[in-house]
PDB file of N, CA and C in Angstrom:
ATOM      1  N   MET A   1     -50.899  97.667-266.604  1.00  0.00           N
ATOM      2  CA  MET A   1     -51.120  96.577-267.510  1.00  0.00           C
ATOM      3  C   MET A   1     -50.997  95.237-266.769  1.00  0.00           C
ATOM      4  N   ARG A   2     -49.943  95.096-265.979  1.00  0.00           N
ATOM      5  CA  ARG A   2     -49.753  93.842-265.252  1.00  0.00           C
ATOM      6  C   ARG A   2     -50.869  93.606-264.247  1.00  0.00           C
ATOM      7  N   THR A   3     -51.319  94.674-263.600  1.00  0.00           N
ATOM      8  CA  THR A   3     -52.397  94.508-262.630  1.00  0.00           C
ATOM      9  C   THR A   3     -53.707  94.155-263.327  1.00  0.00           C
ATOM     10  N   THR A   4     -53.899  94.643-264.545  1.00  0.00           N
ATOM     11  CA  THR A   4     -55.096  94.287-265.309  1.00  0.00           C
ATOM     12  C   THR A   4     -55.086  92.799-265.643  1.00  0.00           C
ATOM     13  N   VAL A   5     -53.947  92.305-266.076  1.00  0.00           N
ATOM     14  CA  VAL A   5     -53.826  90.877-266.402  1.00  0.00           C
ATOM     15  C   VAL A   5     -54.013  90.040-265.142  1.00  0.00           C
ATOM     16  N   LEU A   6     -53.406  90.448-264.053  1.00  0.00           N
ATOM     17  CA  LEU A   6     -53.559  89.708-262.801  1.00  0.00           C
ATOM     18  C   LEU A   6     -55.016  89.735-262.337  1.00  0.00           C
ATOM     19  N   GLY A   7     -55.665  90.893-262.453  1.00  0.00           N
ATOM     20  CA  GLY A   7     -57.077  90.995-262.083  1.00  0.00           C
ATOM     21  C   GLY A   7     -57.956  90.096-262.933  1.00  0.00           C
ATOM     22  N   ALA A   8     -57.706  90.062-264.232  1.00  0.00           N
ATOM     23  CA  ALA A   8     -58.471  89.189-265.127  1.00  0.00           C
ATOM     24  C   ALA A   8     -58.239  87.724-264.780  1.00  0.00           C
ATOM     25  N   ALA A   9     -56.998  87.368-264.470  1.00  0.00           N
ATOM     26  CA  ALA A   9     -56.689  85.984-264.099  1.00  0.00           C
ATOM     27  C   ALA A   9     -57.428  85.592-262.824  1.00  0.00           C
ATOM     28  N   LEU A  10     -57.481  86.484-261.854  1.00  0.00           N
ATOM     29  CA  LEU A  10     -58.204  86.188-260.614  1.00  0.00           C
ATOM     30  C   LEU A  10     -59.707  86.072-260.860  1.00  0.00           C
ATOM     31  N   LEU A  11     -60.226  86.887-261.777  1.00  0.00           N
ATOM     32  CA  LEU A  11     -61.652  86.824-262.103  1.00  0.00           C
ATOM     33  C   LEU A  11     -62.048  85.494-262.747  1.00  0.00           C
ATOM     34  N   VAL A  12     -61.159  84.919-263.546  1.00  0.00           N
ATOM     35  CA  VAL A  12     -61.494  83.655-264.211  1.00  0.00           C
ATOM     36  C   VAL A  12     -61.115  82.435-263.380  1.00  0.00           C
ATOM     37  N   GLY A  13     -60.593  82.648-262.171  1.00  0.00           N
ATOM     38  CA  GLY A  13     -60.393  81.520-261.282  1.00  0.00           C
ATOM     39  C   GLY A  13     -58.961  81.167-260.913  1.00  0.00           C
ATOM     40  N   PHE A  14     -57.973  81.950-261.334  1.00  0.00           N
ATOM     41  CA  PHE A  14     -56.585  81.661-260.964  1.00  0.00           C
ATOM     42  C   PHE A  14     -56.395  81.995-259.494  1.00  0.00           C
ATOM     43  N   ARG A  15     -55.974  81.018-258.737  1.00  0.00           N
ATOM     44  CA  ARG A  15     -55.748  81.205-257.304  1.00  0.00           C
ATOM     45  C   ARG A  15     -54.327  80.780-256.951  1.00  0.00           C
ATOM     46  N   PRO A  16     -53.386  81.737-256.949  1.00  0.00           N
ATOM     47  CA  PRO A  16     -52.000  81.379-256.632  1.00  0.00           C
ATOM     48  C   PRO A  16     -51.848  81.028-255.153  1.00  0.00           C
ATOM     49  N   ASP A  17     -50.927  80.109-254.885  1.00  0.00           N
ATOM     50  CA  ASP A  17     -50.631  79.679-253.522  1.00  0.00           C
ATOM     51  C   ASP A  17     -49.304  80.253-253.034  1.00  0.00           C
ATOM     52  N   ALA A  18     -48.854  81.309-253.640  1.00  0.00           N
ATOM     53  CA  ALA A  18     -47.517  81.841-253.372  1.00  0.00           C
ATOM     54  C   ALA A  18     -47.477  82.648-252.082  1.00  0.00           C
ATOM     55  N   THR A  19     -46.330  82.558-251.433  1.00  0.00           N
ATOM     56  CA  THR A  19     -46.064  83.398-250.265  1.00  0.00           C
ATOM     57  C   THR A  19     -45.557  84.754-250.757  1.00  0.00           C
ATOM     58  N   ALA A  20     -45.361  85.658-249.841  1.00  0.00           N
ATOM     59  CA  ALA A  20     -44.856  86.988-250.205  1.00  0.00           C
ATOM     60  C   ALA A  20     -43.463  86.880-250.833  1.00  0.00           C
ATOM     61  N   LEU A  21     -42.636  86.005-250.313  1.00  0.00           N
ATOM     62  CA  LEU A  21     -41.295  85.823-250.863  1.00  0.00           C
ATOM     63  C   LEU A  21     -41.351  85.254-252.284  1.00  0.00           C
ATOM     64  N   GLU A  22     -42.280  84.327-252.517  1.00  0.00           N
ATOM     65  CA  GLU A  22     -42.426  83.762-253.861  1.00  0.00           C
ATOM     66  C   GLU A  22     -42.963  84.804-254.837  1.00  0.00           C
ATOM     67  N   TRP A  23     -43.854  85.676-254.382  1.00  0.00           N
ATOM     68  CA  TRP A  23     -44.322  86.765-255.242  1.00  0.00           C
ATOM     69  C   TRP A  23     -43.171  87.702-255.598  1.00  0.00           C
ATOM     70  N   LEU A  24     -42.318  87.995-254.635  1.00  0.00           N
ATOM     71  CA  LEU A  24     -41.156  88.847-254.911  1.00  0.00           C
ATOM     72  C   LEU A  24     -40.200  88.172-255.891  1.00  0.00           C
ATOM     73  N   ALA A  25     -40.007  86.879-255.742  1.00  0.00           N
ATOM     74  CA  ALA A  25     -39.152  86.141-256.667  1.00  0.00           C
ATOM     75  C   ALA A  25     -39.759  86.143-258.069  1.00  0.00           C
ATOM     76  N   ALA A  26     -41.072  85.951-258.163  1.00  0.00           N
ATOM     77  CA  ALA A  26     -41.740  85.984-259.472  1.00  0.00           C
ATOM     78  C   ALA A  26     -41.608  87.364-260.105  1.00  0.00           C
ATOM     79  N   LEU A  27     -41.766  88.403-259.311  1.00  0.00           N
ATOM     80  CA  LEU A  27     -41.590  89.766-259.820  1.00  0.00           C
ATOM     81  C   LEU A  27     -40.156  89.980-260.294  1.00  0.00           C
ATOM     82  N   GLY A  28     -39.185  89.442-259.567  1.00  0.00           N
ATOM     83  CA  GLY A  28     -37.792  89.549-259.977  1.00  0.00           C
ATOM     84  C   GLY A  28     -37.515  88.835-261.289  1.00  0.00           C
ATOM     85  N   VAL A  29     -38.091  87.653-261.474  1.00  0.00           N
ATOM     86  CA  VAL A  29     -37.921  86.922-262.739  1.00  0.00           C
ATOM     87  C   VAL A  29     -38.544  87.711-263.883  1.00  0.00           C
ATOM     88  N   LEU A  30     -39.727  88.268-263.652  1.00  0.00           N
ATOM     89  CA  LEU A  30     -40.377  89.078-264.687  1.00  0.00           C
ATOM     90  C   LEU A  30     -39.563  90.319-265.033  1.00  0.00           C
ATOM     91  N   MET A  31     -39.021  90.968-264.029  1.00  0.00           N
ATOM     92  CA  MET A  31     -38.212  92.172-264.264  1.00  0.00           C
ATOM     93  C   MET A  31     -36.926  91.824-265.017  1.00  0.00           C
ATOM     94  N   ALA A  32     -36.280  90.729-264.650  1.00  0.00           N
ATOM     95  CA  ALA A  32     -35.060  90.315-265.346  1.00  0.00           C
ATOM     96  C   ALA A  32     -35.352  89.953-266.793  1.00  0.00           C
ATOM     97  N   THR A  33     -36.482  89.287-267.038  1.00  0.00           N
ATOM     98  CA  THR A  33     -36.859  88.936-268.399  1.00  0.00           C
ATOM     99  C   THR A  33     -37.161  90.187-269.222  1.00  0.00           C
ATOM    100  N   ALA A  34     -37.902  91.120-268.636  1.00  0.00           N
ATOM    101  CA  ALA A  34     -38.212  92.368-269.336  1.00  0.00           C
ATOM    102  C   ALA A  34     -36.938  93.160-269.637  1.00  0.00           C
ATOM    103  N   PHE A  35     -36.012  93.183-268.695  1.00  0.00           N
ATOM    104  CA  PHE A  35     -34.743  93.885-268.892  1.00  0.00           C
ATOM    105  C   PHE A  35     -33.948  93.263-270.037  1.00  0.00           C
ATOM    106  N   ALA A  36     -33.859  91.933-270.035  1.00  0.00           N
ATOM    107  CA  ALA A  36     -33.116  91.235-271.093  1.00  0.00           C
ATOM    108  C   ALA A  36     -33.756  91.453-272.461  1.00  0.00           C
ATOM    109  N   LEU A  37     -35.086  91.361-272.537  1.00  0.00           N
ATOM    110  CA  LEU A  37     -35.767  91.549-273.814  1.00  0.00           C
ATOM    111  C   LEU A  37     -35.649  92.983-274.314  1.00  0.00           C
ATOM    112  N   THR A  38     -35.678  93.930-273.394  1.00  0.00           N
ATOM    113  CA  THR A  38     -35.523  95.330-273.788  1.00  0.00           C
ATOM    114  C   THR A  38     -34.163  95.567-274.416  1.00  0.00           C
ATOM    115  N   TRP A  39     -33.122  95.070-273.793  1.00  0.00           N
ATOM    116  CA  TRP A  39     -31.788  95.277-274.339  1.00  0.00           C
ATOM    117  C   TRP A  39     -31.543  94.461-275.593  1.00  0.00           C
ATOM    118  N   PHE A  40     -32.196  93.305-275.723  1.00  0.00           N
ATOM    119  CA  PHE A  40     -32.094  92.550-276.964  1.00  0.00           C
ATOM    120  C   PHE A  40     -32.760  93.317-278.102  1.00  0.00           C
ATOM    121  N   ALA A  41     -33.912  93.940-277.829  1.00  0.00           N
ATOM    122  CA  ALA A  41     -34.580  94.754-278.839  1.00  0.00           C
ATOM    123  C   ALA A  41     -33.744  95.983-279.203  1.00  0.00           C
ATOM    124  N   VAL A  42     -33.074  96.573-278.215  1.00  0.00           N
ATOM    125  CA  VAL A  42     -32.188  97.708-278.488  1.00  0.00           C
ATOM    126  C   VAL A  42     -31.039  97.276-279.388  1.00  0.00           C
ATOM    127  N   ALA A  43     -30.451  96.126-279.106  1.00  0.00           N
ATOM    128  CA  ALA A  43     -29.348  95.625-279.935  1.00  0.00           C
ATOM    129  C   ALA A  43     -29.811  95.363-281.364  1.00  0.00           C
ATOM    130  N   LEU A  44     -30.998  94.792-281.519  1.00  0.00           N
ATOM    131  CA  LEU A  44     -31.526  94.560-282.863  1.00  0.00           C
ATOM    132  C   LEU A  44     -31.776  95.877-283.584  1.00  0.00           C
ATOM    133  N   GLY A  45     -32.258  96.864-282.865  1.00  0.00           N
ATOM    134  CA  GLY A  45     -32.483  98.178-283.463  1.00  0.00           C
ATOM    135  C   GLY A  45     -31.196  98.875-283.857  1.00  0.00           C
ATOM    136  N   MET A  46     -30.143  98.657-283.084  1.00  0.00           N
ATOM    137  CA  MET A  46     -28.868  99.316-283.381  1.00  0.00           C
ATOM    138  C   MET A  46     -28.215  98.799-284.656  1.00  0.00           C
ATOM    139  N   VAL A  47     -28.466  97.553-285.012  1.00  0.00           N
ATOM    140  CA  VAL A  47     -27.853  96.995-286.217  1.00  0.00           C
ATOM    141  C   VAL A  47     -28.754  97.134-287.441  1.00  0.00           C
ATOM    142  N   ALA A  48     -29.921  97.740-287.259  1.00  0.00           N
ATOM    143  CA  ALA A  48     -30.857  97.899-288.374  1.00  0.00           C
ATOM    144  C   ALA A  48     -30.383  98.991-289.323  1.00  0.00           C
ATOM    145  N   ASP A  49     -30.789  98.860-290.582  1.00  0.00           N
ATOM    146  CA  ASP A  49     -30.381  99.823-291.608  1.00  0.00           C
ATOM    147  C   ASP A  49     -31.278 101.053-291.662  1.00  0.00           C
ATOM    148  N   SER A  50     -32.516 100.933-291.217  1.00  0.00           N
ATOM    149  CA  SER A  50     -33.440 102.070-291.273  1.00  0.00           C
ATOM    150  C   SER A  50     -34.344 102.057-290.042  1.00  0.00           C
ATOM    151  N   VAL A  51     -35.100 103.127-289.882  1.00  0.00           N
ATOM    152  CA  VAL A  51     -36.016 103.233-288.750  1.00  0.00           C
ATOM    153  C   VAL A  51     -37.112 102.175-288.858  1.00  0.00           C
ATOM    154  N   GLU A  52     -37.603 101.940-290.059  1.00  0.00           N
ATOM    155  CA  GLU A  52     -38.649 100.940-290.246  1.00  0.00           C
ATOM    156  C   GLU A  52     -38.149  99.548-289.875  1.00  0.00           C
ATOM    157  N   THR A  53     -36.951  99.223-290.287  1.00  0.00           N
ATOM    158  CA  THR A  53     -36.375  97.924-289.958  1.00  0.00           C
ATOM    159  C   THR A  53     -36.152  97.808-288.457  1.00  0.00           C
ATOM    160  N   ALA A  54     -35.712  98.894-287.833  1.00  0.00           N
ATOM    161  CA  ALA A  54     -35.466  98.884-286.385  1.00  0.00           C
ATOM    162  C   ALA A  54     -36.752  98.645-285.605  1.00  0.00           C
ATOM    163  N   SER A  55     -37.866  99.185-286.095  1.00  0.00           N
ATOM    164  CA  SER A  55     -39.113  98.995-285.367  1.00  0.00           C
ATOM    165  C   SER A  55     -39.745  97.634-285.625  1.00  0.00           C
ATOM    166  N   ASN A  56     -39.427  97.008-286.754  1.00  0.00           N
ATOM    167  CA  ASN A  56     -40.042  95.726-287.088  1.00  0.00           C
ATOM    168  C   ASN A  56     -39.194  94.517-286.727  1.00  0.00           C
ATOM    169  N   THR A  57     -37.911  94.690-286.543  1.00  0.00           N
ATOM    170  CA  THR A  57     -37.034  93.555-286.267  1.00  0.00           C
ATOM    171  C   THR A  57     -37.400  92.805-284.984  1.00  0.00           C
ATOM    172  N   PRO A  58     -37.702  93.484-283.868  1.00  0.00           N
ATOM    173  CA  PRO A  58     -38.031  92.739-282.644  1.00  0.00           C
ATOM    174  C   PRO A  58     -39.455  92.168-282.599  1.00  0.00           C
ATOM    175  N   MET A  59     -40.217  92.289-283.668  1.00  0.00           N
ATOM    176  CA  MET A  59     -41.607  91.821-283.655  1.00  0.00           C
ATOM    177  C   MET A  59     -41.719  90.325-283.380  1.00  0.00           C
ATOM    178  N   PHE A  60     -40.758  89.534-283.817  1.00  0.00           N
ATOM    179  CA  PHE A  60     -40.834  88.082-283.599  1.00  0.00           C
ATOM    180  C   PHE A  60     -40.781  87.723-282.122  1.00  0.00           C
ATOM    181  N   LEU A  61     -40.284  88.627-281.284  1.00  0.00           N
ATOM    182  CA  LEU A  61     -40.209  88.348-279.852  1.00  0.00           C
ATOM    183  C   LEU A  61     -41.600  88.166-279.245  1.00  0.00           C
ATOM    184  N   SER A  62     -42.606  88.796-279.837  1.00  0.00           N
ATOM    185  CA  SER A  62     -43.959  88.663-279.299  1.00  0.00           C
ATOM    186  C   SER A  62     -44.532  87.264-279.518  1.00  0.00           C
ATOM    187  N   LEU A  63     -43.958  86.492-280.424  1.00  0.00           N
ATOM    188  CA  LEU A  63     -44.450  85.140-280.691  1.00  0.00           C
ATOM    189  C   LEU A  63     -43.775  84.073-279.824  1.00  0.00           C
ATOM    190  N   LEU A  64     -42.660  84.396-279.219  1.00  0.00           N
ATOM    191  CA  LEU A  64     -41.908  83.394-278.468  1.00  0.00           C
ATOM    192  C   LEU A  64     -42.684  82.726-277.332  1.00  0.00           C
ATOM    193  N   PRO A  65     -43.504  83.448-276.549  1.00  0.00           N
ATOM    194  CA  PRO A  65     -44.242  82.742-275.490  1.00  0.00           C
ATOM    195  C   PRO A  65     -45.211  81.680-276.019  1.00  0.00           C
ATOM    196  N   PHE A  66     -45.701  81.850-277.246  1.00  0.00           N
ATOM    197  CA  PHE A  66     -46.623  80.868-277.808  1.00  0.00           C
ATOM    198  C   PHE A  66     -45.920  79.578-278.208  1.00  0.00           C
ATOM    199  N   LEU A  67     -44.605  79.630-278.354  1.00  0.00           N
ATOM    200  CA  LEU A  67     -43.840  78.461-278.755  1.00  0.00           C
ATOM    201  C   LEU A  67     -43.264  77.700-277.571  1.00  0.00           C
ATOM    202  N   GLY A  68     -43.644  78.076-276.392  1.00  0.00           N
ATOM    203  CA  GLY A  68     -43.147  77.409-275.196  1.00  0.00           C
ATOM    204  C   GLY A  68     -44.278  76.749-274.433  1.00  0.00           C
ATOM    205  N   SER A  69     -44.149  76.756-273.127  1.00  0.00           N
ATOM    206  CA  SER A  69     -45.131  76.086-272.276  1.00  0.00           C
ATOM    207  C   SER A  69     -46.078  77.087-271.635  1.00  0.00           C
ATOM    208  N   GLY A  70     -46.373  78.176-272.316  1.00  0.00           N
ATOM    209  CA  GLY A  70     -47.212  79.223-271.759  1.00  0.00           C
ATOM    210  C   GLY A  70     -48.650  78.817-271.507  1.00  0.00           C
ATOM    211  N   PHE A  71     -49.190  77.943-272.318  1.00  0.00           N
ATOM    212  CA  PHE A  71     -50.594  77.576-272.174  1.00  0.00           C
ATOM    213  C   PHE A  71     -50.789  76.208-271.536  1.00  0.00           C
ATOM    214  N   VAL A  72     -49.906  75.292-271.843  1.00  0.00           N
ATOM    215  CA  VAL A  72     -49.962  73.963-271.230  1.00  0.00           C
ATOM    216  C   VAL A  72     -48.549  73.533-270.874  1.00  0.00           C
ATOM    217  N   PRO A  73     -48.395  72.770-269.805  1.00  0.00           N
ATOM    218  CA  PRO A  73     -47.057  72.267-269.462  1.00  0.00           C
ATOM    219  C   PRO A  73     -46.534  71.346-270.567  1.00  0.00           C
ATOM    220  N   THR A  74     -45.234  71.351-270.750  1.00  0.00           N
ATOM    221  CA  THR A  74     -44.637  70.550-271.818  1.00  0.00           C
ATOM    222  C   THR A  74     -44.851  69.060-271.606  1.00  0.00           C
ATOM    223  N   GLU A  75     -45.052  68.612-270.359  1.00  0.00           N
ATOM    224  CA  GLU A  75     -45.264  67.188-270.099  1.00  0.00           C
ATOM    225  C   GLU A  75     -46.548  66.669-270.749  1.00  0.00           C
ATOM    226  N   THR A  76     -47.511  67.550-271.007  1.00  0.00           N
ATOM    227  CA  THR A  76     -48.786  67.121-271.575  1.00  0.00           C
ATOM    228  C   THR A  76     -48.791  67.180-273.108  1.00  0.00           C
ATOM    229  N   MET A  77     -47.702  67.620-273.715  1.00  0.00           N
ATOM    230  CA  MET A  77     -47.632  67.752-275.173  1.00  0.00           C
ATOM    231  C   MET A  77     -47.194  66.447-275.828  1.00  0.00           C
ATOM    232  N   PRO A  78     -47.549  66.257-277.099  1.00  0.00           N
ATOM    233  CA  PRO A  78     -47.016  65.108-277.839  1.00  0.00           C
ATOM    234  C   PRO A  78     -45.489  65.184-277.915  1.00  0.00           C
ATOM    235  N   ALA A  79     -44.846  64.055-278.149  1.00  0.00           N
ATOM    236  CA  ALA A  79     -43.382  63.961-278.070  1.00  0.00           C
ATOM    237  C   ALA A  79     -42.669  64.966-278.969  1.00  0.00           C
ATOM    238  N   GLY A  80     -43.070  65.108-280.224  1.00  0.00           N
ATOM    239  CA  GLY A  80     -42.393  66.035-281.132  1.00  0.00           C
ATOM    240  C   GLY A  80     -42.524  67.478-280.695  1.00  0.00           C
ATOM    241  N   LEU A  81     -43.722  67.872-280.305  1.00  0.00           N
ATOM    242  CA  LEU A  81     -43.957  69.237-279.849  1.00  0.00           C
ATOM    243  C   LEU A  81     -43.282  69.485-278.510  1.00  0.00           C
ATOM    244  N   ARG A  82     -43.246  68.476-277.649  1.00  0.00           N
ATOM    245  CA  ARG A  82     -42.586  68.602-276.353  1.00  0.00           C
ATOM    246  C   ARG A  82     -41.097  68.873-276.528  1.00  0.00           C
ATOM    247  N   ALA A  83     -40.470  68.172-277.464  1.00  0.00           N
ATOM    248  CA  ALA A  83     -39.040  68.379-277.710  1.00  0.00           C
ATOM    249  C   ALA A  83     -38.789  69.789-278.232  1.00  0.00           C
ATOM    250  N   PHE A  84     -39.672  70.276-279.085  1.00  0.00           N
ATOM    251  CA  PHE A  84     -39.515  71.624-279.632  1.00  0.00           C
ATOM    252  C   PHE A  84     -39.742  72.676-278.550  1.00  0.00           C
ATOM    253  N   ALA A  85     -40.846  72.556-277.801  1.00  0.00           N
ATOM    254  CA  ALA A  85     -41.193  73.554-276.791  1.00  0.00           C
ATOM    255  C   ALA A  85     -40.242  73.532-275.597  1.00  0.00           C
ATOM    256  N   GLY A  86     -39.634  72.403-275.325  1.00  0.00           N
ATOM    257  CA  GLY A  86     -38.739  72.298-274.178  1.00  0.00           C
ATOM    258  C   GLY A  86     -37.474  73.130-274.310  1.00  0.00           C
ATOM    259  N   TYR A  87     -37.110  73.486-275.517  1.00  0.00           N
ATOM    260  CA  TYR A  87     -35.879  74.248-275.738  1.00  0.00           C
ATOM    261  C   TYR A  87     -36.146  75.669-276.202  1.00  0.00           C
ATOM    262  N   ARG A  88     -37.365  76.152-276.069  1.00  0.00           N
ATOM    263  CA  ARG A  88     -37.675  77.535-276.410  1.00  0.00           C
ATOM    264  C   ARG A  88     -37.233  78.432-275.271  1.00  0.00           C
ATOM    265  N   PRO A  89     -36.850  79.677-275.544  1.00  0.00           N
ATOM    266  CA  PRO A  89     -36.312  80.535-274.484  1.00  0.00           C
ATOM    267  C   PRO A  89     -37.312  80.917-273.401  1.00  0.00           C
ATOM    268  N   PHE A  90     -38.595  80.920-273.692  1.00  0.00           N
ATOM    269  CA  PHE A  90     -39.546  81.323-272.669  1.00  0.00           C
ATOM    270  C   PHE A  90     -40.004  80.178-271.778  1.00  0.00           C
ATOM    271  N   THR A  91     -39.761  78.957-272.163  1.00  0.00           N
ATOM    272  CA  THR A  91     -40.217  77.823-271.354  1.00  0.00           C
ATOM    273  C   THR A  91     -39.629  77.848-269.942  1.00  0.00           C
ATOM    274  N   PRO A  92     -38.332  78.063-269.742  1.00  0.00           N
ATOM    275  CA  PRO A  92     -37.820  78.116-268.363  1.00  0.00           C
ATOM    276  C   PRO A  92     -38.403  79.272-267.550  1.00  0.00           C
ATOM    277  N   VAL A  93     -38.633  80.410-268.201  1.00  0.00           N
ATOM    278  CA  VAL A  93     -39.222  81.550-267.493  1.00  0.00           C
ATOM    279  C   VAL A  93     -40.641  81.207-267.059  1.00  0.00           C
ATOM    280  N   ILE A  94     -41.420  80.646-267.962  1.00  0.00           N
ATOM    281  CA  ILE A  94     -42.811  80.291-267.658  1.00  0.00           C
ATOM    282  C   ILE A  94     -42.865  79.205-266.590  1.00  0.00           C
ATOM    283  N   GLU A  95     -41.995  78.205-266.698  1.00  0.00           N
ATOM    284  CA  GLU A  95     -41.981  77.128-265.697  1.00  0.00           C
ATOM    285  C   GLU A  95     -41.586  77.668-264.320  1.00  0.00           C
ATOM    286  N   THR A  96     -40.661  78.603-264.275  1.00  0.00           N
ATOM    287  CA  THR A  96     -40.263  79.206-263.002  1.00  0.00           C
ATOM    288  C   THR A  96     -41.419  79.991-262.399  1.00  0.00           C
ATOM    289  N   LEU A  97     -42.082  80.806-263.203  1.00  0.00           N
ATOM    290  CA  LEU A  97     -43.217  81.584-262.704  1.00  0.00           C
ATOM    291  C   LEU A  97     -44.355  80.674-262.259  1.00  0.00           C
ATOM    292  N   ARG A  98     -44.631  79.647-263.038  1.00  0.00           N
ATOM    293  CA  ARG A  98     -45.687  78.701-262.682  1.00  0.00           C
ATOM    294  C   ARG A  98     -45.343  78.013-261.353  1.00  0.00           C
ATOM    295  N   GLY A  99     -44.102  77.599-261.189  1.00  0.00           N
ATOM    296  CA  GLY A  99     -43.691  76.942-259.952  1.00  0.00           C
ATOM    297  C   GLY A  99     -43.761  77.860-258.748  1.00  0.00           C
ATOM    298  N   LEU A 100     -43.348  79.119-258.933  1.00  0.00           N
ATOM    299  CA  LEU A 100     -43.371  80.061-257.819  1.00  0.00           C
ATOM    300  C   LEU A 100     -44.797  80.410-257.404  1.00  0.00           C
ATOM    301  N   LEU A 101     -45.662  80.651-258.360  1.00  0.00           N
ATOM    302  CA  LEU A 101     -47.006  81.108-258.028  1.00  0.00           C
ATOM    303  C   LEU A 101     -47.951  79.992-257.622  1.00  0.00           C
ATOM    304  N   LEU A 102     -47.702  78.784-258.099  1.00  0.00           N
ATOM    305  CA  LEU A 102     -48.590  77.671-257.767  1.00  0.00           C
ATOM    306  C   LEU A 102     -48.038  76.785-256.661  1.00  0.00           C
ATOM    307  N   GLY A 103     -46.839  77.092-256.169  1.00  0.00           N
ATOM    308  CA  GLY A 103     -46.294  76.337-255.062  1.00  0.00           C
ATOM    309  C   GLY A 103     -45.679  75.008-255.442  1.00  0.00           C
ATOM    310  N   SER A 104     -45.531  74.749-256.725  1.00  0.00           N
ATOM    311  CA  SER A 104     -44.865  73.516-257.145  1.00  0.00           C
ATOM    312  C   SER A 104     -43.361  73.783-257.257  1.00  0.00           C
ATOM    313  N   GLY A 105     -42.596  72.757-257.451  1.00  0.00           N
ATOM    314  CA  GLY A 105     -41.152  72.924-257.535  1.00  0.00           C
ATOM    315  C   GLY A 105     -40.728  73.606-258.827  1.00  0.00           C
ATOM    316  N   ILE A 106     -39.619  74.338-258.749  1.00  0.00           N
ATOM    317  CA  ILE A 106     -39.119  75.000-259.952  1.00  0.00           C
ATOM    318  C   ILE A 106     -37.900  74.307-260.532  1.00  0.00           C
ATOM    319  N   GLY A 107     -37.300  73.434-259.758  1.00  0.00           N
ATOM    320  CA  GLY A 107     -36.144  72.680-260.258  1.00  0.00           C
ATOM    321  C   GLY A 107     -35.042  73.598-260.762  1.00  0.00           C
ATOM    322  N   ALA A 108     -34.456  73.224-261.888  1.00  0.00           N
ATOM    323  CA  ALA A 108     -33.362  74.008-262.473  1.00  0.00           C
ATOM    324  C   ALA A 108     -33.863  75.069-263.427  1.00  0.00           C
ATOM    325  N   SER A 109     -35.184  75.210-263.584  1.00  0.00           N
ATOM    326  CA  SER A 109     -35.698  76.179-264.545  1.00  0.00           C
ATOM    327  C   SER A 109     -35.366  77.609-264.161  1.00  0.00           C
ATOM    328  N   ALA A 110     -35.261  77.912-262.869  1.00  0.00           N
ATOM    329  CA  ALA A 110     -34.915  79.265-262.455  1.00  0.00           C
ATOM    330  C   ALA A 110     -33.490  79.619-262.869  1.00  0.00           C
ATOM    331  N   VAL A 111     -32.584  78.673-262.741  1.00  0.00           N
ATOM    332  CA  VAL A 111     -31.194  78.927-263.145  1.00  0.00           C
ATOM    333  C   VAL A 111     -31.117  79.164-264.644  1.00  0.00           C
ATOM    334  N   VAL A 112     -31.841  78.347-265.408  1.00  0.00           N
ATOM    335  CA  VAL A 112     -31.841  78.494-266.871  1.00  0.00           C
ATOM    336  C   VAL A 112     -32.528  79.804-267.254  1.00  0.00           C
ATOM    337  N   ALA A 113     -33.607  80.156-266.591  1.00  0.00           N
ATOM    338  CA  ALA A 113     -34.344  81.380-266.908  1.00  0.00           C
ATOM    339  C   ALA A 113     -33.506  82.635-266.671  1.00  0.00           C
ATOM    340  N   LEU A 114     -32.683  82.609-265.656  1.00  0.00           N
ATOM    341  CA  LEU A 114     -31.899  83.794-265.323  1.00  0.00           C
ATOM    342  C   LEU A 114     -30.509  83.796-265.936  1.00  0.00           C
ATOM    343  N   SER A 115     -30.170  82.761-266.683  1.00  0.00           N
ATOM    344  CA  SER A 115     -28.838  82.740-267.294  1.00  0.00           C
ATOM    345  C   SER A 115     -28.891  83.182-268.730  1.00  0.00           C
TER     346      SER A 115
END
């Protein structure tokens, strides 16, 4: 699945400037995020009252990347939306990945993403 997304991104013109070490760091951030989300979904399922509730409770997690800086950097957003998107949980992860793969600085977003 990840290779399909990466292949599609390369087909439409995404050209990362990352070194091998930056690719490994990006993979590590993705793995840590997937690990955290998996265990968060498990915790939500454990407190559910039924199987149906357990399967539907983590559904809101799929919307979180849309509420952050996944499509455009927060600096380009209007002030109200920028304030909202700047504090979403996926914004630091996305900013870290964007910085690693495009060769721009990541600042403190990596620390926030992994904490």
